[in-house]
Each structure stands twice: as structure tokens, then as C-alpha cells.
Amino acid sequence: MEDEQSFSDICGGRLALQRRYYSPSCREFCLSCPRLSLRSLTAVTCSVWLAAYGLFTLCENSMVLSAAIFITLVGLLGYLHFVKIDQETLLIIDSLGIQMTSSYASGKESTTFIEMSKVKDIVINEAIYMKVIYYLCILLKDPVEPQGVSQVVPVFQSAKPRLDCLIEVYRSCQEILAHQKATATGP
């Protein structure tokens, strides 16, 4: 079963949350950010090139124009490949673990997997970032102190969804964690 719902990020931008229910013990959440706006890309490129043309008319050196074009292209490629994330995915399987995938605008993907035996809990945490923001995070068990937390792994770092979206994902994750604990302690 699959459904999609619209939410907004902490800045008011639009986000789309796709939920895929594969089984009671396996769910996937895909949070999609808006694609790169051609209008903003054109505005930034034109302003850099106009500034370069202004410098060119003052110093009459063609290297200024060449450098502006080169820096703009390298900057755009770097932004698309290392910064702009189009989609973040959280896949949770109670018998295996949690997989987090970030898909960049260039097509590059970054995946992190956490074994379920290392997961203590999934919580919504709050932080102060010029205002109070909420984020979903995975608490990892401390191997030395069983009741302690060794690490906090934030989820959906790039999209920064608001609390209403996080609650949807949180409740579903808690259902899977409860199912996993019930099957682990069962006969």
C-alpha cells in the first residue's frame, strides 16, 4: 500500500511524504523536496555574469569573463553533486534494521544502514535554531552501558520537515519497533 501527503518544511517550503507499507514489519518513507528552480538558477547565473561583464568593461581583460563562466559552472556542478538533496528515504525493517538514503540532484546517492540490534529507540527531538525546530532521530545503544545512548543519528537532515510530518513517520516507526520487540520476546 502506498500513499502520498503534502507537508511543509521549517521555512514553509513544500515537501511530499510518500509512505509505502510492504508488511506490518517493513515500511518506507520518502520525503521529496522541490526540484531546483530554473528561475533562481538563471537569476544567480545572470547576476554573476553581469558582474563579470562589468569588471570586464572596467579592466578590459577577457580572463574575467572566462573565470566567471568557469567558476559558475564548477559551482553549479558542486552544488548539484554535494549539496542539493532531492529526496531522503527511511526504510525500516524490524528484523534487519534501518536504511537511510539521500538522493542528490546530480543522481548521486548516499546510503547509511543501522542494524536493528543497535537501535535503542526512535524519538522526536527539539533544537534551537533561531527558533525551536523538531527533528526525528535514532538513538543507538551504548555497547558498554545497556541503558545508555552511544549516538544520536538525525533523520531527514536536509528536508527539515515540520512537526506534523515527523509525527506521522514517528508513529509508524514506533509501531514497527513495538512489533519487533513483541516478536523478540514472544515464544
N, C-alpha and C. Protein backbone atom coordinates (compact mmCIF):
# COMPACT_ATOMS: atom_id res chain seq x y z
N MET A 1 0.84 -1.17 0.00
CA MET A 1 0.00 0.00 0.00
C MET A 1 0.89 1.25 0.00
N GLU A 2 0.47 2.24 -0.73
CA GLU A 2 1.27 3.46 -0.85
C GLU A 2 0.33 4.67 -0.79
N ASP A 3 0.75 5.69 -0.08
CA ASP A 3 0.01 6.95 -0.09
C ASP A 3 0.98 8.11 -0.04
N GLU A 4 0.50 9.28 -0.47
CA GLU A 4 1.34 10.47 -0.50
C GLU A 4 0.58 11.62 0.16
N GLN A 5 1.32 12.40 0.92
CA GLN A 5 0.73 13.52 1.63
C GLN A 5 1.67 14.71 1.54
N SER A 6 1.11 15.91 1.47
CA SER A 6 1.93 17.12 1.39
C SER A 6 2.11 17.72 2.78
N PHE A 7 3.33 18.17 3.03
CA PHE A 7 3.67 18.84 4.27
C PHE A 7 4.53 20.04 3.91
N SER A 8 4.99 20.76 4.93
CA SER A 8 5.92 21.85 4.66
C SER A 8 7.15 21.73 5.54
N ASP A 9 8.23 22.35 5.10
CA ASP A 9 9.46 22.31 5.88
C ASP A 9 9.47 23.48 6.85
N ILE A 10 10.56 23.63 7.61
CA ILE A 10 10.60 24.67 8.64
C ILE A 10 10.61 26.08 8.06
N CYS A 11 10.93 26.21 6.77
CA CYS A 11 10.94 27.52 6.12
C CYS A 11 9.65 27.79 5.35
N GLY A 12 8.72 26.83 5.36
CA GLY A 12 7.46 26.99 4.65
C GLY A 12 7.45 26.40 3.26
N GLY A 13 8.57 25.80 2.83
CA GLY A 13 8.62 25.15 1.51
C GLY A 13 7.80 23.87 1.49
N ARG A 14 7.42 23.45 0.31
CA ARG A 14 6.57 22.27 0.14
C ARG A 14 7.40 21.00 0.16
N LEU A 15 6.90 19.98 0.88
CA LEU A 15 7.50 18.65 0.91
C LEU A 15 6.42 17.62 0.60
N ALA A 16 6.82 16.52 -0.01
CA ALA A 16 5.89 15.42 -0.28
C ALA A 16 6.39 14.18 0.45
N LEU A 17 5.52 13.60 1.27
CA LEU A 17 5.86 12.38 2.01
C LEU A 17 5.13 11.22 1.38
N GLN A 18 5.90 10.27 0.85
CA GLN A 18 5.34 9.03 0.31
C GLN A 18 5.57 7.94 1.35
N ARG A 19 4.49 7.25 1.70
CA ARG A 19 4.59 6.14 2.65
C ARG A 19 4.26 4.85 1.92
N ARG A 20 5.16 3.90 2.05
CA ARG A 20 4.95 2.59 1.43
C ARG A 20 4.92 1.53 2.53
N TYR A 21 3.82 0.82 2.62
CA TYR A 21 3.67 -0.24 3.61
C TYR A 21 3.83 -1.58 2.89
N TYR A 22 4.97 -2.22 3.12
CA TYR A 22 5.23 -3.51 2.48
C TYR A 22 4.65 -4.65 3.30
N SER A 23 4.71 -4.53 4.62
CA SER A 23 4.17 -5.53 5.55
C SER A 23 4.08 -4.87 6.91
N PRO A 24 3.50 -5.54 7.91
CA PRO A 24 3.46 -4.94 9.25
C PRO A 24 4.85 -4.68 9.83
N SER A 25 5.86 -5.34 9.30
CA SER A 25 7.21 -5.18 9.85
C SER A 25 8.15 -4.43 8.92
N CYS A 26 7.65 -3.87 7.83
CA CYS A 26 8.51 -3.18 6.86
C CYS A 26 7.76 -1.99 6.25
N ARG A 27 8.34 -0.80 6.44
CA ARG A 27 7.76 0.42 5.87
C ARG A 27 8.86 1.32 5.33
N GLU A 28 8.48 2.12 4.34
CA GLU A 28 9.43 3.04 3.73
C GLU A 28 8.78 4.42 3.65
N PHE A 29 9.58 5.43 3.98
CA PHE A 29 9.13 6.81 3.94
C PHE A 29 10.06 7.60 3.04
N CYS A 30 9.51 8.22 2.00
CA CYS A 30 10.30 9.03 1.07
C CYS A 30 9.84 10.48 1.20
N LEU A 31 10.75 11.35 1.57
CA LEU A 31 10.46 12.76 1.72
C LEU A 31 11.13 13.50 0.56
N SER A 32 10.32 14.06 -0.33
CA SER A 32 10.84 14.72 -1.53
C SER A 32 10.77 16.23 -1.37
N CYS A 33 11.88 16.88 -1.70
CA CYS A 33 11.98 18.34 -1.68
C CYS A 33 11.71 18.85 -3.10
N PRO A 34 11.34 20.11 -3.23
CA PRO A 34 11.15 20.66 -4.57
C PRO A 34 12.45 20.63 -5.37
N ARG A 35 12.32 20.42 -6.64
CA ARG A 35 13.48 20.40 -7.52
C ARG A 35 14.10 21.79 -7.59
N LEU A 36 15.29 21.85 -8.12
CA LEU A 36 16.00 23.11 -8.28
C LEU A 36 15.21 24.01 -9.23
N SER A 37 14.94 25.23 -8.81
CA SER A 37 14.16 26.17 -9.59
C SER A 37 15.01 26.74 -10.72
N LEU A 38 14.53 26.62 -11.93
CA LEU A 38 15.23 27.16 -13.09
C LEU A 38 15.29 28.69 -13.00
N ARG A 39 14.27 29.30 -12.43
CA ARG A 39 14.22 30.76 -12.29
C ARG A 39 15.35 31.24 -11.38
N SER A 40 15.53 30.60 -10.22
CA SER A 40 16.59 31.05 -9.30
C SER A 40 17.97 30.73 -9.87
N LEU A 41 18.10 29.61 -10.55
CA LEU A 41 19.36 29.26 -11.18
C LEU A 41 19.74 30.29 -12.24
N THR A 42 18.78 30.68 -13.05
CA THR A 42 19.02 31.68 -14.09
C THR A 42 19.37 33.03 -13.48
N ALA A 43 18.68 33.41 -12.41
CA ALA A 43 18.94 34.71 -11.77
C ALA A 43 20.36 34.76 -11.20
N VAL A 44 20.79 33.70 -10.53
CA VAL A 44 22.14 33.68 -9.96
C VAL A 44 23.19 33.71 -11.06
N THR A 45 22.99 32.90 -12.09
CA THR A 45 23.95 32.85 -13.19
C THR A 45 24.04 34.20 -13.89
N CYS A 46 22.91 34.81 -14.17
CA CYS A 46 22.91 36.12 -14.85
C CYS A 46 23.57 37.20 -14.00
N SER A 47 23.31 37.19 -12.69
CA SER A 47 23.92 38.22 -11.85
C SER A 47 25.44 38.06 -11.77
N VAL A 48 25.92 36.81 -11.69
CA VAL A 48 27.38 36.59 -11.67
C VAL A 48 27.99 37.03 -12.99
N TRP A 49 27.35 36.68 -14.09
CA TRP A 49 27.90 37.02 -15.40
C TRP A 49 27.81 38.52 -15.68
N LEU A 50 26.76 39.19 -15.19
CA LEU A 50 26.68 40.63 -15.36
C LEU A 50 27.76 41.35 -14.56
N ALA A 51 28.00 40.87 -13.35
CA ALA A 51 29.09 41.44 -12.54
C ALA A 51 30.43 41.24 -13.23
N ALA A 52 30.63 40.06 -13.80
CA ALA A 52 31.87 39.79 -14.53
C ALA A 52 31.99 40.68 -15.76
N TYR A 53 30.89 40.91 -16.45
CA TYR A 53 30.92 41.78 -17.62
C TYR A 53 31.24 43.22 -17.22
N GLY A 54 30.70 43.65 -16.06
CA GLY A 54 31.02 44.99 -15.54
C GLY A 54 32.50 45.12 -15.25
N LEU A 55 33.08 44.10 -14.62
CA LEU A 55 34.53 44.11 -14.36
C LEU A 55 35.32 44.09 -15.67
N PHE A 56 34.82 43.35 -16.65
CA PHE A 56 35.49 43.26 -17.95
C PHE A 56 35.53 44.64 -18.62
N THR A 57 34.42 45.38 -18.55
CA THR A 57 34.40 46.70 -19.19
C THR A 57 35.34 47.68 -18.48
N LEU A 58 35.54 47.48 -17.17
CA LEU A 58 36.45 48.36 -16.43
C LEU A 58 37.91 48.05 -16.71
N CYS A 59 38.26 46.76 -16.71
CA CYS A 59 39.68 46.42 -16.86
C CYS A 59 40.02 45.85 -18.25
N GLU A 60 39.05 45.59 -19.07
CA GLU A 60 39.23 45.09 -20.44
C GLU A 60 40.14 43.87 -20.49
N ASN A 61 39.88 42.92 -19.58
CA ASN A 61 40.63 41.67 -19.53
C ASN A 61 39.64 40.53 -19.73
N SER A 62 39.82 39.77 -20.80
CA SER A 62 38.87 38.69 -21.12
C SER A 62 38.96 37.53 -20.13
N MET A 63 40.01 37.47 -19.34
CA MET A 63 40.14 36.40 -18.36
C MET A 63 39.05 36.52 -17.28
N VAL A 64 38.55 37.74 -17.05
CA VAL A 64 37.50 37.93 -16.05
C VAL A 64 36.24 37.20 -16.49
N LEU A 65 35.87 37.34 -17.75
CA LEU A 65 34.68 36.64 -18.26
C LEU A 65 34.87 35.13 -18.25
N SER A 66 36.03 34.68 -18.69
CA SER A 66 36.31 33.24 -18.69
C SER A 66 36.28 32.67 -17.28
N ALA A 67 36.86 33.38 -16.34
CA ALA A 67 36.87 32.92 -14.95
C ALA A 67 35.46 32.89 -14.37
N ALA A 68 34.64 33.88 -14.69
CA ALA A 68 33.26 33.90 -14.18
C ALA A 68 32.46 32.72 -14.72
N ILE A 69 32.61 32.42 -15.99
CA ILE A 69 31.90 31.28 -16.57
C ILE A 69 32.38 29.98 -15.94
N PHE A 70 33.68 29.83 -15.80
CA PHE A 70 34.25 28.62 -15.22
C PHE A 70 33.81 28.44 -13.76
N ILE A 71 33.89 29.50 -12.97
CA ILE A 71 33.50 29.42 -11.55
C ILE A 71 32.02 29.12 -11.40
N THR A 72 31.19 29.71 -12.24
CA THR A 72 29.75 29.45 -12.20
C THR A 72 29.45 27.99 -12.51
N LEU A 73 30.07 27.45 -13.56
CA LEU A 73 29.82 26.06 -13.93
C LEU A 73 30.32 25.08 -12.87
N VAL A 74 31.53 25.31 -12.36
CA VAL A 74 32.07 24.43 -11.31
C VAL A 74 31.23 24.54 -10.04
N GLY A 75 30.82 25.75 -9.68
CA GLY A 75 29.98 25.94 -8.51
C GLY A 75 28.64 25.24 -8.64
N LEU A 76 28.03 25.33 -9.81
CA LEU A 76 26.74 24.66 -10.05
C LEU A 76 26.89 23.15 -9.96
N LEU A 77 27.92 22.62 -10.60
CA LEU A 77 28.13 21.17 -10.54
C LEU A 77 28.41 20.71 -9.11
N GLY A 78 29.20 21.46 -8.38
CA GLY A 78 29.47 21.12 -6.98
C GLY A 78 28.21 21.17 -6.14
N TYR A 79 27.38 22.18 -6.36
CA TYR A 79 26.12 22.31 -5.62
C TYR A 79 25.20 21.12 -5.91
N LEU A 80 25.06 20.76 -7.18
CA LEU A 80 24.17 19.65 -7.55
C LEU A 80 24.70 18.31 -7.04
N HIS A 81 26.00 18.15 -7.00
CA HIS A 81 26.57 16.85 -6.64
C HIS A 81 26.77 16.67 -5.13
N PHE A 82 27.01 17.75 -4.39
CA PHE A 82 27.34 17.60 -2.98
C PHE A 82 26.35 18.24 -2.00
N VAL A 83 25.49 19.13 -2.48
CA VAL A 83 24.65 19.89 -1.55
C VAL A 83 23.16 19.63 -1.75
N LYS A 84 22.63 19.79 -2.96
CA LYS A 84 21.19 19.75 -3.21
C LYS A 84 20.67 18.33 -3.16
N ILE A 85 19.91 18.03 -2.10
CA ILE A 85 19.30 16.71 -1.93
C ILE A 85 17.84 16.82 -2.37
N ASP A 86 17.45 15.96 -3.31
CA ASP A 86 16.08 15.97 -3.82
C ASP A 86 15.15 15.08 -3.00
N GLN A 87 15.69 13.99 -2.47
CA GLN A 87 14.84 13.02 -1.78
C GLN A 87 15.61 12.33 -0.67
N GLU A 88 14.95 12.17 0.47
CA GLU A 88 15.51 11.41 1.59
C GLU A 88 14.56 10.26 1.90
N THR A 89 15.11 9.08 2.08
CA THR A 89 14.30 7.88 2.29
C THR A 89 14.70 7.19 3.58
N LEU A 90 13.70 6.75 4.31
CA LEU A 90 13.91 5.97 5.53
C LEU A 90 13.18 4.65 5.34
N LEU A 91 13.93 3.56 5.35
CA LEU A 91 13.37 2.21 5.21
C LEU A 91 13.62 1.49 6.52
N ILE A 92 12.55 1.02 7.16
CA ILE A 92 12.69 0.34 8.44
C ILE A 92 12.10 -1.06 8.34
N ILE A 93 12.94 -2.04 8.66
CA ILE A 93 12.55 -3.45 8.65
C ILE A 93 12.87 -3.99 10.03
N ASP A 94 11.85 -4.51 10.72
CA ASP A 94 12.06 -4.85 12.13
C ASP A 94 13.07 -5.95 12.38
N SER A 95 13.26 -6.86 11.46
CA SER A 95 14.20 -7.96 11.68
C SER A 95 15.63 -7.63 11.21
N LEU A 96 15.78 -6.58 10.40
CA LEU A 96 17.10 -6.24 9.86
C LEU A 96 17.66 -4.94 10.41
N GLY A 97 16.96 -3.85 10.18
CA GLY A 97 17.48 -2.57 10.61
C GLY A 97 16.84 -1.41 9.88
N ILE A 98 17.55 -0.30 9.89
CA ILE A 98 17.06 0.95 9.31
C ILE A 98 18.05 1.43 8.26
N GLN A 99 17.53 1.73 7.08
CA GLN A 99 18.36 2.24 6.00
C GLN A 99 17.92 3.65 5.66
N MET A 100 18.88 4.58 5.64
CA MET A 100 18.61 5.96 5.27
C MET A 100 19.35 6.27 3.98
N THR A 101 18.63 6.80 3.01
CA THR A 101 19.22 7.11 1.70
C THR A 101 18.94 8.57 1.35
N SER A 102 19.97 9.26 0.89
CA SER A 102 19.82 10.62 0.40
C SER A 102 20.14 10.62 -1.09
N SER A 103 19.21 11.13 -1.91
CA SER A 103 19.39 11.20 -3.35
C SER A 103 19.65 12.66 -3.74
N TYR A 104 20.82 12.90 -4.31
CA TYR A 104 21.23 14.25 -4.68
C TYR A 104 20.68 14.61 -6.06
N ALA A 105 20.67 15.89 -6.37
CA ALA A 105 20.15 16.38 -7.65
C ALA A 105 20.95 15.84 -8.83
N SER A 106 22.22 15.53 -8.62
CA SER A 106 23.07 15.02 -9.70
C SER A 106 22.82 13.54 -9.98
N GLY A 107 22.06 12.87 -9.10
CA GLY A 107 21.82 11.44 -9.25
C GLY A 107 22.61 10.60 -8.26
N LYS A 108 23.58 11.21 -7.60
CA LYS A 108 24.38 10.50 -6.60
C LYS A 108 23.49 10.13 -5.42
N GLU A 109 23.76 8.95 -4.83
CA GLU A 109 23.02 8.50 -3.65
C GLU A 109 23.98 8.18 -2.53
N SER A 110 23.58 8.50 -1.33
CA SER A 110 24.35 8.21 -0.13
C SER A 110 23.46 7.38 0.79
N THR A 111 23.94 6.19 1.19
CA THR A 111 23.13 5.28 2.00
C THR A 111 23.83 4.93 3.30
N THR A 112 23.05 4.92 4.38
CA THR A 112 23.55 4.52 5.69
C THR A 112 22.63 3.43 6.22
N PHE A 113 23.22 2.38 6.77
CA PHE A 113 22.43 1.28 7.34
C PHE A 113 22.77 1.11 8.81
N ILE A 114 21.75 0.95 9.62
CA ILE A 114 21.92 0.73 11.06
C ILE A 114 21.22 -0.58 11.41
N GLU A 115 21.96 -1.51 11.99
CA GLU A 115 21.38 -2.79 12.40
C GLU A 115 20.36 -2.56 13.50
N MET A 116 19.28 -3.34 13.47
CA MET A 116 18.22 -3.16 14.47
C MET A 116 18.71 -3.49 15.88
N SER A 117 19.70 -4.36 15.99
CA SER A 117 20.23 -4.70 17.32
C SER A 117 20.94 -3.51 17.97
N LYS A 118 21.33 -2.51 17.18
CA LYS A 118 22.00 -1.31 17.71
C LYS A 118 21.03 -0.18 18.03
N VAL A 119 19.77 -0.32 17.59
CA VAL A 119 18.78 0.73 17.76
C VAL A 119 18.14 0.62 19.14
N LYS A 120 18.22 1.70 19.89
CA LYS A 120 17.56 1.74 21.21
C LYS A 120 16.13 2.26 21.05
N ASP A 121 15.98 3.35 20.29
CA ASP A 121 14.66 3.93 20.10
C ASP A 121 14.72 4.95 18.97
N ILE A 122 13.54 5.37 18.52
CA ILE A 122 13.41 6.46 17.56
C ILE A 122 12.57 7.52 18.25
N VAL A 123 13.08 8.75 18.29
CA VAL A 123 12.41 9.82 19.02
C VAL A 123 12.35 11.09 18.18
N ILE A 124 11.47 11.99 18.61
CA ILE A 124 11.45 13.34 18.04
C ILE A 124 12.15 14.23 19.05
N ASN A 125 13.18 14.89 18.61
CA ASN A 125 13.98 15.75 19.47
C ASN A 125 13.75 17.20 19.05
N GLU A 126 14.09 18.12 19.91
CA GLU A 126 13.95 19.52 19.56
C GLU A 126 15.30 20.22 19.66
N ALA A 127 15.46 21.23 18.84
CA ALA A 127 16.69 22.00 18.84
C ALA A 127 16.33 23.47 18.66
N ILE A 128 17.22 24.33 19.10
CA ILE A 128 17.01 25.76 18.92
C ILE A 128 17.89 26.21 17.77
N TYR A 129 17.26 26.69 16.72
CA TYR A 129 17.93 27.12 15.51
C TYR A 129 17.27 28.43 15.09
N MET A 130 17.56 29.50 15.83
CA MET A 130 16.90 30.80 15.70
C MET A 130 15.43 30.70 16.14
N LYS A 131 14.89 29.53 16.19
CA LYS A 131 13.57 29.20 16.73
C LYS A 131 13.64 27.72 17.09
N VAL A 132 12.61 27.20 17.70
CA VAL A 132 12.61 25.79 18.07
C VAL A 132 12.20 24.98 16.85
N ILE A 133 13.05 24.02 16.49
CA ILE A 133 12.73 23.10 15.40
C ILE A 133 12.76 21.68 15.96
N TYR A 134 12.05 20.79 15.29
CA TYR A 134 11.97 19.40 15.70
C TYR A 134 12.62 18.54 14.63
N TYR A 135 13.24 17.45 15.06
CA TYR A 135 13.81 16.53 14.11
C TYR A 135 13.69 15.11 14.64
N LEU A 136 13.57 14.18 13.73
CA LEU A 136 13.47 12.77 14.06
C LEU A 136 14.88 12.23 14.19
N CYS A 137 15.13 11.43 15.21
CA CYS A 137 16.47 10.87 15.35
C CYS A 137 16.40 9.45 15.90
N ILE A 138 17.44 8.71 15.58
CA ILE A 138 17.57 7.32 16.01
C ILE A 138 18.59 7.29 17.14
N LEU A 139 18.19 6.72 18.26
CA LEU A 139 19.10 6.58 19.39
C LEU A 139 19.76 5.21 19.31
N LEU A 140 21.09 5.19 19.33
CA LEU A 140 21.83 3.94 19.26
C LEU A 140 22.26 3.51 20.65
N LYS A 141 22.17 2.20 20.89
CA LYS A 141 22.54 1.65 22.20
C LYS A 141 24.04 1.81 22.44
N ASP A 142 24.37 2.04 23.69
CA ASP A 142 25.76 2.10 24.11
C ASP A 142 26.21 0.66 24.38
N PRO A 143 27.28 0.19 23.71
CA PRO A 143 27.70 -1.20 23.92
C PRO A 143 28.21 -1.47 25.34
N VAL A 144 28.71 -0.43 26.02
CA VAL A 144 29.23 -0.60 27.37
C VAL A 144 28.10 -0.50 28.40
N GLU A 145 27.28 0.53 28.28
CA GLU A 145 26.18 0.78 29.22
C GLU A 145 24.86 0.46 28.51
N PRO A 146 24.19 -0.67 28.82
CA PRO A 146 22.97 -1.08 28.09
C PRO A 146 21.83 -0.07 28.16
N GLN A 147 21.74 0.69 29.24
CA GLN A 147 20.66 1.67 29.36
C GLN A 147 21.03 3.01 28.75
N GLY A 148 22.29 3.18 28.35
CA GLY A 148 22.76 4.45 27.81
C GLY A 148 22.60 4.56 26.31
N VAL A 149 22.85 5.75 25.83
CA VAL A 149 22.79 6.05 24.39
C VAL A 149 24.19 6.42 23.94
N SER A 150 24.69 5.72 22.91
CA SER A 150 26.05 5.99 22.43
C SER A 150 26.07 7.07 21.36
N GLN A 151 24.99 7.17 20.59
CA GLN A 151 24.98 8.11 19.47
C GLN A 151 23.56 8.48 19.12
N VAL A 152 23.39 9.69 18.62
CA VAL A 152 22.09 10.17 18.13
C VAL A 152 22.25 10.43 16.64
N VAL A 153 21.46 9.73 15.83
CA VAL A 153 21.55 9.85 14.37
C VAL A 153 20.31 10.58 13.85
N PRO A 154 20.46 11.82 13.38
CA PRO A 154 19.30 12.54 12.86
C PRO A 154 18.85 11.99 11.51
N VAL A 155 17.55 12.07 11.28
CA VAL A 155 16.94 11.60 10.03
C VAL A 155 16.33 12.81 9.33
N PHE A 156 16.29 12.80 8.02
CA PHE A 156 15.74 13.88 7.20
C PHE A 156 16.44 15.21 7.51
N GLN A 157 17.77 15.19 7.48
CA GLN A 157 18.56 16.38 7.81
C GLN A 157 18.40 17.49 6.79
N SER A 158 18.27 17.14 5.54
CA SER A 158 18.21 18.16 4.50
C SER A 158 16.80 18.75 4.36
N ALA A 159 15.79 17.91 4.42
CA ALA A 159 14.41 18.36 4.19
C ALA A 159 13.89 19.22 5.34
N LYS A 160 14.29 18.93 6.55
CA LYS A 160 13.84 19.64 7.76
C LYS A 160 12.32 19.80 7.79
N PRO A 161 11.59 18.67 7.85
CA PRO A 161 10.13 18.77 7.90
C PRO A 161 9.63 19.31 9.24
N ARG A 162 8.41 19.81 9.23
CA ARG A 162 7.79 20.32 10.45
C ARG A 162 7.29 19.16 11.30
N LEU A 163 6.83 19.50 12.48
CA LEU A 163 6.44 18.50 13.48
C LEU A 163 5.32 17.58 13.00
N ASP A 164 4.33 18.10 12.28
CA ASP A 164 3.22 17.26 11.84
C ASP A 164 3.68 16.11 10.94
N CYS A 165 4.65 16.36 10.08
CA CYS A 165 5.21 15.32 9.23
C CYS A 165 6.02 14.32 10.05
N LEU A 166 6.80 14.84 10.99
CA LEU A 166 7.61 13.96 11.82
C LEU A 166 6.76 13.03 12.68
N ILE A 167 5.63 13.52 13.14
CA ILE A 167 4.74 12.69 13.95
C ILE A 167 4.21 11.51 13.15
N GLU A 168 3.88 11.74 11.88
CA GLU A 168 3.40 10.66 11.01
C GLU A 168 4.45 9.55 10.90
N VAL A 169 5.69 9.94 10.64
CA VAL A 169 6.77 8.96 10.49
C VAL A 169 7.07 8.31 11.84
N TYR A 170 7.10 9.09 12.90
CA TYR A 170 7.40 8.60 14.24
C TYR A 170 6.42 7.51 14.66
N ARG A 171 5.14 7.75 14.51
CA ARG A 171 4.12 6.77 14.93
C ARG A 171 4.28 5.46 14.18
N SER A 172 4.54 5.56 12.91
CA SER A 172 4.71 4.35 12.11
C SER A 172 5.97 3.59 12.53
N CYS A 173 7.05 4.32 12.79
CA CYS A 173 8.29 3.68 13.25
C CYS A 173 8.10 3.02 14.61
N GLN A 174 7.35 3.67 15.49
CA GLN A 174 7.10 3.09 16.80
C GLN A 174 6.27 1.81 16.71
N GLU A 175 5.35 1.75 15.75
CA GLU A 175 4.58 0.51 15.53
C GLU A 175 5.52 -0.63 15.14
N ILE A 176 6.47 -0.34 14.27
CA ILE A 176 7.41 -1.38 13.84
C ILE A 176 8.34 -1.78 14.98
N LEU A 177 8.81 -0.81 15.76
CA LEU A 177 9.65 -1.14 16.90
C LEU A 177 8.88 -1.97 17.93
N ALA A 178 7.61 -1.65 18.15
CA ALA A 178 6.79 -2.43 19.07
C ALA A 178 6.58 -3.84 18.53
N HIS A 179 6.36 -3.97 17.22
CA HIS A 179 6.21 -5.28 16.59
C HIS A 179 7.49 -6.09 16.73
N GLN A 180 8.63 -5.42 16.56
CA GLN A 180 9.93 -6.09 16.68
C GLN A 180 10.18 -6.57 18.10
N LYS A 181 9.84 -5.75 19.09
CA LYS A 181 10.02 -6.13 20.49
C LYS A 181 9.08 -7.28 20.87
N ALA A 182 7.85 -7.25 20.33
CA ALA A 182 6.88 -8.31 20.62
C ALA A 182 7.33 -9.64 20.03
N THR A 183 7.88 -9.62 18.82
CA THR A 183 8.34 -10.87 18.21
C THR A 183 9.64 -11.36 18.85
N ALA A 184 10.45 -10.42 19.37
CA ALA A 184 11.70 -10.81 20.02
C ALA A 184 11.46 -11.44 21.38
N THR A 185 10.43 -10.98 22.11
CA THR A 185 10.14 -11.53 23.43
C THR A 185 9.08 -12.62 23.40
N GLY A 186 8.49 -12.84 22.25
CA GLY A 186 7.44 -13.86 22.12
C GLY A 186 8.00 -15.27 22.19
N PRO A 187 7.08 -16.28 22.23
CA PRO A 187 7.52 -17.69 22.36
C PRO A 187 8.28 -18.21 21.20
